[in-house]
């Protein structure tokens, strides 16, 4: 993957200044709070590894490596490419798997979540969106486009509502243990439009 230029580079620069740095800080804090113990972590869909690196600074008892379908020009953690279907790791290779804003970029979130459950010994910490409320879908599409178009990330806009999330958990063989909503990703007044209850972080336990 080559570095973006022109309009994409400008879009990335604006997004980084307005959203990205705060997002890294806030989400790494939520992940650090929800991972119960130390050990090895696989960051599924790790991107440039910024959140994983921030998480390790908060939780030095964790070591993290990434896996992604598309490798960035540089990454803060080691990243392995995978085909988007089968993770290139043995069963229960990691204590935990983190999946941050990845599943809505896939056509079959339950299948990807099932692969995460296969390689996780203890749990999965998932951050994603839930489609609900007035203009929920269009708002999520706008956020997704601004955050990812400059990186050529695939954008199927596959946002699940609460019923579909419960179905995905059942199909993947995982149970939600703890859920956090209203994560504080955006400063006022933008939080009124973009935070709401459109985001969540949850700790999931694989059903063995």
Protein backbone atom coordinates (compact mmCIF):
# COMPACT_ATOMS: atom_id res chain seq x y z
CA UNK A 1 0.00 0.00 0.00
CA UNK A 2 1.41 3.42 -0.99
CA UNK A 3 1.04 6.63 0.99
CA UNK A 4 -1.99 8.74 -0.03
CA UNK A 5 -1.49 11.99 -1.91
CA UNK A 6 -3.56 15.03 -2.91
CA UNK A 7 -7.15 15.11 -1.70
CA UNK A 8 -6.80 11.85 0.27
CA UNK A 9 -3.74 13.14 2.10
CA UNK A 10 -5.62 16.34 2.97
CA UNK A 11 -8.63 14.36 4.21
CA UNK A 12 -6.35 12.24 6.40
CA UNK A 13 -4.60 15.30 7.81
CA UNK A 14 -7.91 16.96 8.74
CA UNK A 15 -9.24 13.76 10.30
CA UNK A 16 -6.04 13.16 12.28
CA UNK A 17 -6.08 16.66 13.71
CA UNK A 18 -9.78 16.72 14.56
CA UNK A 19 -10.58 13.13 15.55
CA UNK A 20 -7.85 10.51 15.30
CA UNK A 21 -5.57 11.44 18.20
CA UNK A 22 -8.46 11.77 20.65
CA UNK A 23 -9.91 8.49 19.35
CA UNK A 24 -6.64 6.66 20.02
CA UNK A 25 -6.45 8.01 23.56
CA UNK A 26 -10.09 7.34 24.44
CA UNK A 27 -10.36 3.88 22.90
CA UNK A 28 -7.07 2.62 24.30
CA UNK A 29 -8.38 3.62 27.73
CA UNK A 30 -11.59 1.65 27.27
CA UNK A 31 -9.71 -1.40 26.01
CA UNK A 32 -7.27 -1.22 28.93
CA UNK A 33 -10.17 -1.16 31.38
CA UNK A 34 -11.99 -4.13 29.81
CA UNK A 35 -9.12 -6.60 29.31
CA UNK A 36 -9.19 -8.53 32.60
CA UNK A 37 -5.62 -9.83 32.73
CA UNK A 38 -2.22 -9.73 31.08
CA UNK A 39 -0.87 -11.81 28.24
CA UNK A 40 -0.72 -11.94 24.48
CA UNK A 41 -3.18 -9.96 22.36
CA UNK A 42 -3.97 -10.15 18.65
CA UNK A 43 -5.25 -6.87 17.23
CA UNK A 44 -7.48 -7.95 14.35
CA UNK A 45 -7.63 -5.19 11.75
CA UNK A 46 -4.81 -3.30 13.40
CA UNK A 47 -4.32 -0.53 10.80
CA UNK A 48 -1.25 1.48 11.72
CA UNK A 49 -1.12 0.01 15.23
CA UNK A 50 -1.67 3.34 17.01
CA UNK A 51 -4.37 2.08 19.37
CA UNK A 52 -2.44 -1.11 20.15
CA UNK A 53 0.70 0.88 20.96
CA UNK A 54 -1.25 3.24 23.22
CA UNK A 55 -2.86 0.24 24.92
CA UNK A 56 0.55 -1.30 25.67
CA UNK A 57 1.67 1.97 27.24
CA UNK A 58 -1.35 1.81 29.55
CA UNK A 59 -1.03 -1.93 30.10
CA UNK A 60 2.62 -3.04 30.12
CA UNK A 61 1.41 -6.53 31.10
CA UNK A 62 0.16 -6.97 27.51
CA UNK A 63 2.12 -7.70 24.35
CA UNK A 64 0.29 -7.10 21.08
CA UNK A 65 0.76 -8.04 17.46
CA UNK A 66 -1.54 -7.18 14.59
CA UNK A 67 -3.19 -8.83 11.63
CA UNK A 68 -4.85 -7.04 8.72
CA UNK A 69 -5.97 -7.60 5.15
CA UNK A 70 -4.10 -4.47 4.06
CA UNK A 71 -0.69 -3.47 5.36
CA UNK A 72 0.00 0.23 5.97
CA UNK A 73 3.33 1.81 4.88
CA UNK A 74 4.35 1.83 8.56
CA UNK A 75 2.94 0.38 11.76
CA UNK A 76 3.60 0.84 15.47
CA UNK A 77 3.37 -2.94 16.03
CA UNK A 78 4.31 -6.05 14.01
CA UNK A 79 1.49 -6.85 11.56
CA UNK A 80 0.81 -10.03 9.58
CA UNK A 81 -1.30 -9.94 6.42
CA UNK A 82 -4.28 -12.28 6.22
CA UNK A 83 -6.95 -13.08 3.65
CA UNK A 84 -9.92 -11.76 5.61
CA UNK A 85 -11.31 -15.27 6.09
CA UNK A 86 -8.91 -17.47 8.07
CA UNK A 87 -6.54 -16.05 10.68
CA UNK A 88 -3.03 -17.48 10.17
CA UNK A 89 -2.74 -18.68 13.78
CA UNK A 90 -3.45 -21.88 15.69
CA UNK A 91 -6.47 -22.31 17.97
CA UNK A 92 -6.19 -20.34 21.23
CA UNK A 93 -2.85 -18.77 20.19
CA UNK A 94 -3.57 -15.54 22.12
CA UNK A 95 -5.08 -14.72 25.47
CA UNK A 96 -7.23 -11.96 23.96
CA UNK A 97 -8.23 -10.55 20.59
CA UNK A 98 -9.12 -6.90 20.08
CA UNK A 99 -11.30 -5.83 17.14
CA UNK A 100 -11.69 -2.07 16.85
CA UNK A 101 -14.10 -0.70 14.21
CA UNK A 102 -13.46 -3.61 11.84
CA UNK A 103 -16.57 -5.78 11.62
CA UNK A 104 -18.72 -3.16 9.89
CA UNK A 105 -16.14 -3.23 7.08
CA UNK A 106 -16.84 -6.93 6.46
CA UNK A 107 -19.63 -8.72 4.62
CA UNK A 108 -19.98 -11.41 7.33
CA UNK A 109 -19.19 -10.01 10.80
CA UNK A 110 -20.21 -13.25 12.54
CA UNK A 111 -17.68 -15.28 10.54
CA UNK A 112 -14.83 -12.89 11.38
CA UNK A 113 -15.90 -12.87 15.02
CA UNK A 114 -15.94 -16.69 15.04
CA UNK A 115 -12.32 -16.72 13.80
CA UNK A 116 -11.39 -14.33 16.61
CA UNK A 117 -13.07 -16.67 19.10
CA UNK A 118 -11.09 -19.58 17.69
CA UNK A 119 -7.68 -18.00 18.36
CA UNK A 120 -8.62 -16.35 21.70
CA UNK A 121 -8.08 -18.35 24.89
CA UNK A 122 -9.84 -15.97 27.27
CA UNK A 123 -11.79 -13.27 25.51
CA UNK A 124 -12.41 -10.74 22.78
CA UNK A 125 -12.72 -7.01 23.26
CA UNK A 126 -14.86 -5.60 20.47
CA UNK A 127 -15.42 -1.95 19.60
CA UNK A 128 -17.95 -1.24 16.88
CA UNK A 129 -21.13 0.63 15.99
CA UNK A 130 -24.80 -0.11 16.54
CA UNK A 131 -27.34 1.26 14.09
CA UNK A 132 -30.18 2.91 15.97
CA UNK A 133 -31.97 6.17 16.52
CA UNK A 134 -32.79 9.07 14.23
CA UNK A 135 -30.37 9.28 11.27
CA UNK A 136 -28.16 6.63 12.85
CA UNK A 137 -27.28 4.95 9.56
CA UNK A 138 -26.41 8.11 7.60
CA UNK A 139 -24.41 9.48 10.54
CA UNK A 140 -22.32 6.31 10.72
CA UNK A 141 -21.77 6.36 6.94
CA UNK A 142 -20.47 9.93 7.14
CA UNK A 143 -18.09 9.12 10.02
CA UNK A 144 -16.86 6.02 8.22
CA UNK A 145 -16.22 7.86 4.96
CA UNK A 146 -14.28 10.68 6.63
CA UNK A 147 -12.17 8.30 8.69
CA UNK A 148 -11.39 5.69 6.05
CA UNK A 149 -11.78 6.98 2.50
CA UNK A 150 -8.28 8.45 2.54
CA UNK A 151 -6.80 5.04 3.36
CA UNK A 152 -8.69 3.15 0.61
CA UNK A 153 -10.43 0.99 3.21
CA UNK A 154 -13.38 -1.01 1.86
CA UNK A 155 -16.64 0.65 2.94
CA UNK A 156 -19.64 -1.72 2.78
CA UNK A 157 -21.34 0.28 5.59
CA UNK A 158 -22.50 -2.95 7.22
CA UNK A 159 -23.87 -1.57 10.49
CA UNK A 160 -25.83 -3.97 12.67
CA UNK A 161 -28.71 -3.12 14.98
CA UNK A 162 -29.01 -4.70 18.43
CA UNK A 163 -30.97 -7.71 17.15
CA UNK A 164 -28.37 -8.46 14.48
CA UNK A 165 -25.52 -8.10 16.99
CA UNK A 166 -27.17 -10.68 19.25
CA UNK A 167 -27.53 -13.00 16.26
CA UNK A 168 -23.87 -12.49 15.31
CA UNK A 169 -22.74 -13.33 18.85
CA UNK A 170 -24.79 -16.54 18.81
CA UNK A 171 -23.44 -17.57 15.40
CA UNK A 172 -19.86 -16.84 16.46
CA UNK A 173 -20.19 -18.69 19.76
CA UNK A 174 -19.46 -15.82 22.13
CA UNK A 175 -21.24 -14.28 25.11
CA UNK A 176 -21.09 -10.57 26.05
CA UNK A 177 -19.84 -10.05 29.59
CA UNK A 178 -19.47 -6.28 29.91
CA UNK A 179 -20.70 -3.48 27.64
CA UNK A 180 -19.77 0.21 27.59
CA UNK A 181 -21.70 2.78 25.54
CA UNK A 182 -21.43 6.57 25.07
CA UNK A 183 -17.67 6.36 24.90
CA UNK A 184 -16.79 10.05 24.76
CA UNK A 185 -15.01 9.88 21.41
CA UNK A 186 -15.96 13.41 20.34
CA UNK A 187 -15.70 16.75 22.16
CA UNK A 188 -18.73 18.99 22.61
CA UNK A 189 -20.73 19.97 20.65
CA UNK A 190 -19.84 17.27 18.09
CA UNK A 191 -20.65 14.54 20.61
CA UNK A 192 -24.35 15.41 20.26
CA UNK A 193 -24.30 14.27 16.63
CA UNK A 194 -21.58 11.63 16.54
CA UNK A 195 -21.39 9.99 19.96
CA UNK A 196 -24.98 9.37 21.10
CA UNK A 197 -25.45 5.59 21.49
CA UNK A 198 -23.89 4.72 18.13
CA UNK A 199 -20.71 3.21 19.62
CA UNK A 200 -19.97 0.43 22.08
CA UNK A 201 -17.12 -1.58 23.54
CA UNK A 202 -17.80 -5.05 24.89
CA UNK A 203 -15.87 -7.92 26.45
CA UNK A 204 -16.92 -11.23 24.89
CA UNK A 205 -16.16 -14.70 26.20
CA UNK A 206 -15.83 -17.63 23.77
CA UNK A 207 -18.21 -20.51 24.44
CA UNK A 208 -16.12 -23.68 24.64
